[in-house]
C-alpha cells in the first residue's frame, strides 16, 4: 500500500491529483526524487512558490503540510 492509498483514500480524485502535481513540481524543481530532498529544500521551494509563482500563503501552507507528512 503506497502513501496515497494509505493516507489520502478519503480525498476526492481531484484532490489526490493536485497532491501528486504539487509533489511532482517540487521534484522537478530540484530534478531529484522527493525522498532525497530535505527540510532546507522544502523551505526554499515554498519560498520560490510565494515569490516567483505568486501562490497564496494558504496554498503554500497546504503544500508544506503535504511535503512533511
N, C-alpha and C. Protein backbone atom coordinates (compact mmCIF):
# COMPACT_ATOMS: atom_id res chain seq x y z
N UNK A 1 0.86 -1.18 0.00
CA UNK A 1 0.00 0.00 0.00
C UNK A 1 0.90 1.23 0.00
N UNK A 2 0.72 2.12 -0.97
CA UNK A 2 1.55 3.31 -1.03
C UNK A 2 0.94 4.45 -0.21
N UNK A 3 1.67 5.57 -0.17
CA UNK A 3 1.24 6.72 0.62
C UNK A 3 -0.16 7.17 0.26
N UNK A 4 -0.45 7.28 -1.01
CA UNK A 4 -1.76 7.77 -1.43
C UNK A 4 -2.85 6.80 -1.02
N UNK A 5 -2.63 5.52 -1.22
CA UNK A 5 -3.63 4.53 -0.81
C UNK A 5 -3.90 4.60 0.68
N UNK A 6 -2.84 4.71 1.46
CA UNK A 6 -2.94 4.66 2.91
C UNK A 6 -3.49 5.94 3.52
N UNK A 7 -3.03 7.09 3.06
CA UNK A 7 -3.32 8.34 3.74
C UNK A 7 -4.31 9.26 3.04
N UNK A 8 -4.54 9.06 1.77
CA UNK A 8 -5.36 10.00 1.03
C UNK A 8 -6.63 9.39 0.47
N UNK A 9 -6.91 8.17 0.80
CA UNK A 9 -8.04 7.48 0.19
C UNK A 9 -9.38 8.15 0.49
N UNK A 10 -9.45 8.95 1.53
CA UNK A 10 -10.69 9.64 1.87
C UNK A 10 -10.89 10.92 1.05
N UNK A 11 -9.90 11.30 0.24
CA UNK A 11 -10.00 12.51 -0.58
C UNK A 11 -10.58 12.20 -1.96
N UNK A 12 -11.04 13.26 -2.61
CA UNK A 12 -11.58 13.11 -3.95
C UNK A 12 -10.44 12.87 -4.95
N UNK A 13 -10.75 12.29 -6.11
CA UNK A 13 -9.72 12.10 -7.13
C UNK A 13 -9.05 13.43 -7.53
N UNK A 14 -9.81 14.51 -7.58
CA UNK A 14 -9.24 15.81 -7.94
C UNK A 14 -8.21 16.26 -6.90
N UNK A 15 -8.51 16.07 -5.62
CA UNK A 15 -7.59 16.44 -4.55
C UNK A 15 -6.31 15.61 -4.64
N UNK A 16 -6.46 14.33 -4.86
CA UNK A 16 -5.29 13.46 -4.98
C UNK A 16 -4.45 13.87 -6.19
N UNK A 17 -5.09 14.21 -7.28
CA UNK A 17 -4.37 14.68 -8.47
C UNK A 17 -3.57 15.94 -8.15
N UNK A 18 -4.16 16.85 -7.40
CA UNK A 18 -3.46 18.08 -7.00
C UNK A 18 -2.27 17.77 -6.10
N UNK A 19 -2.44 16.85 -5.15
CA UNK A 19 -1.33 16.44 -4.29
C UNK A 19 -0.17 15.93 -5.14
N UNK A 20 -0.48 15.06 -6.07
CA UNK A 20 0.55 14.48 -6.92
C UNK A 20 1.23 15.57 -7.75
N UNK A 21 0.45 16.50 -8.27
CA UNK A 21 1.03 17.59 -9.07
C UNK A 21 2.00 18.44 -8.24
N UNK A 22 1.61 18.77 -7.00
CA UNK A 22 2.48 19.58 -6.14
C UNK A 22 3.79 18.85 -5.85
N UNK A 23 3.71 17.58 -5.55
CA UNK A 23 4.92 16.81 -5.26
C UNK A 23 5.78 16.67 -6.52
N UNK A 24 5.13 16.46 -7.65
CA UNK A 24 5.86 16.34 -8.92
C UNK A 24 6.57 17.66 -9.26
N UNK A 25 5.89 18.78 -9.09
CA UNK A 25 6.51 20.09 -9.35
C UNK A 25 7.72 20.31 -8.44
N UNK A 26 7.58 19.92 -7.19
CA UNK A 26 8.67 20.05 -6.22
C UNK A 26 9.87 19.23 -6.67
N UNK A 27 9.65 17.99 -7.07
CA UNK A 27 10.73 17.12 -7.52
C UNK A 27 11.38 17.66 -8.79
N UNK A 28 10.57 18.16 -9.71
CA UNK A 28 11.10 18.71 -10.96
C UNK A 28 11.94 19.96 -10.71
N UNK A 29 11.55 20.77 -9.74
CA UNK A 29 12.29 21.98 -9.41
C UNK A 29 13.74 21.65 -9.06
N UNK A 30 13.93 20.57 -8.32
CA UNK A 30 15.28 20.14 -7.92
C UNK A 30 15.85 19.04 -8.80
N UNK A 31 15.05 18.51 -9.70
CA UNK A 31 15.46 17.40 -10.56
C UNK A 31 15.97 16.22 -9.74
N UNK A 32 15.22 15.94 -8.65
CA UNK A 32 15.55 14.82 -7.76
C UNK A 32 14.26 14.19 -7.26
N UNK A 33 14.39 12.97 -6.81
CA UNK A 33 13.27 12.30 -6.17
C UNK A 33 12.90 13.03 -4.88
N UNK A 34 11.61 13.18 -4.57
CA UNK A 34 11.23 13.84 -3.32
C UNK A 34 11.83 13.18 -2.08
N UNK A 35 12.07 11.88 -2.13
CA UNK A 35 12.65 11.18 -0.99
C UNK A 35 14.07 11.65 -0.67
N UNK A 36 14.75 12.24 -1.66
CA UNK A 36 16.12 12.71 -1.47
C UNK A 36 16.19 14.14 -0.98
N UNK A 37 15.08 14.83 -0.95
CA UNK A 37 15.06 16.24 -0.58
C UNK A 37 14.77 16.40 0.91
N UNK A 38 15.35 17.42 1.50
CA UNK A 38 15.25 17.62 2.94
C UNK A 38 14.52 18.92 3.27
N UNK A 39 14.44 19.19 4.54
CA UNK A 39 13.69 20.36 5.03
C UNK A 39 14.17 21.66 4.40
N UNK A 40 15.46 21.83 4.24
CA UNK A 40 16.01 23.05 3.64
C UNK A 40 15.43 23.26 2.23
N UNK A 41 15.41 22.21 1.45
CA UNK A 41 14.88 22.30 0.09
C UNK A 41 13.38 22.59 0.09
N UNK A 42 12.66 22.02 1.05
CA UNK A 42 11.23 22.30 1.16
C UNK A 42 11.02 23.79 1.40
N UNK A 43 11.74 24.36 2.36
CA UNK A 43 11.61 25.78 2.67
C UNK A 43 11.96 26.65 1.46
N UNK A 44 13.05 26.30 0.78
CA UNK A 44 13.45 27.07 -0.40
C UNK A 44 12.39 27.01 -1.49
N UNK A 45 11.84 25.82 -1.72
CA UNK A 45 10.82 25.68 -2.76
C UNK A 45 9.54 26.43 -2.39
N UNK A 46 9.13 26.36 -1.15
CA UNK A 46 7.93 27.08 -0.74
C UNK A 46 8.13 28.59 -0.86
N UNK A 47 9.33 29.07 -0.54
CA UNK A 47 9.64 30.49 -0.73
C UNK A 47 9.56 30.86 -2.21
N UNK A 48 10.11 30.02 -3.06
CA UNK A 48 10.04 30.22 -4.51
C UNK A 48 8.57 30.30 -4.96
N UNK A 49 7.73 29.43 -4.42
CA UNK A 49 6.31 29.41 -4.81
C UNK A 49 5.61 30.71 -4.43
N UNK A 50 5.98 31.29 -3.30
CA UNK A 50 5.37 32.56 -2.88
C UNK A 50 5.89 33.71 -3.73
N UNK A 51 7.21 33.79 -3.89
CA UNK A 51 7.83 34.94 -4.56
C UNK A 51 7.70 34.88 -6.08
N UNK A 52 8.05 33.77 -6.67
CA UNK A 52 8.10 33.68 -8.13
C UNK A 52 6.79 33.20 -8.76
N UNK A 53 6.18 32.20 -8.16
CA UNK A 53 4.95 31.66 -8.73
C UNK A 53 3.71 32.41 -8.25
N UNK A 54 3.91 33.27 -7.26
CA UNK A 54 2.83 34.12 -6.72
C UNK A 54 1.66 33.30 -6.17
N UNK A 55 1.98 32.17 -5.55
CA UNK A 55 0.92 31.36 -4.93
C UNK A 55 0.53 32.00 -3.61
N UNK A 56 -0.69 31.78 -3.22
CA UNK A 56 -1.18 32.34 -1.96
C UNK A 56 -0.51 31.64 -0.77
N UNK A 57 -0.49 32.34 0.36
CA UNK A 57 0.10 31.75 1.56
C UNK A 57 -0.66 30.50 1.98
N UNK A 58 -1.97 30.51 1.82
CA UNK A 58 -2.74 29.32 2.22
C UNK A 58 -2.39 28.12 1.35
N UNK A 59 -2.19 28.34 0.06
CA UNK A 59 -1.78 27.25 -0.83
C UNK A 59 -0.41 26.73 -0.44
N UNK A 60 0.51 27.64 -0.16
CA UNK A 60 1.87 27.24 0.20
C UNK A 60 1.89 26.54 1.56
N UNK A 61 1.09 26.99 2.49
CA UNK A 61 1.00 26.31 3.79
C UNK A 61 0.49 24.88 3.59
N UNK A 62 -0.51 24.73 2.75
CA UNK A 62 -1.08 23.42 2.44
C UNK A 62 -0.01 22.53 1.82
N UNK A 63 0.77 23.08 0.89
CA UNK A 63 1.82 22.31 0.25
C UNK A 63 2.88 21.89 1.27
N UNK A 64 3.22 22.79 2.17
CA UNK A 64 4.20 22.48 3.20
C UNK A 64 3.77 21.31 4.05
N UNK A 65 2.51 21.29 4.42
CA UNK A 65 2.00 20.17 5.21
C UNK A 65 2.04 18.88 4.40
N UNK A 66 1.74 18.99 3.13
CA UNK A 66 1.78 17.82 2.26
C UNK A 66 3.19 17.25 2.18
N UNK A 67 4.19 18.13 2.07
CA UNK A 67 5.57 17.68 1.89
C UNK A 67 6.15 17.05 3.14
N UNK A 68 5.67 17.43 4.31
CA UNK A 68 6.28 16.90 5.53
C UNK A 68 5.56 15.69 6.10
N UNK A 69 4.41 15.32 5.51
CA UNK A 69 3.69 14.17 6.05
C UNK A 69 4.16 12.89 5.44
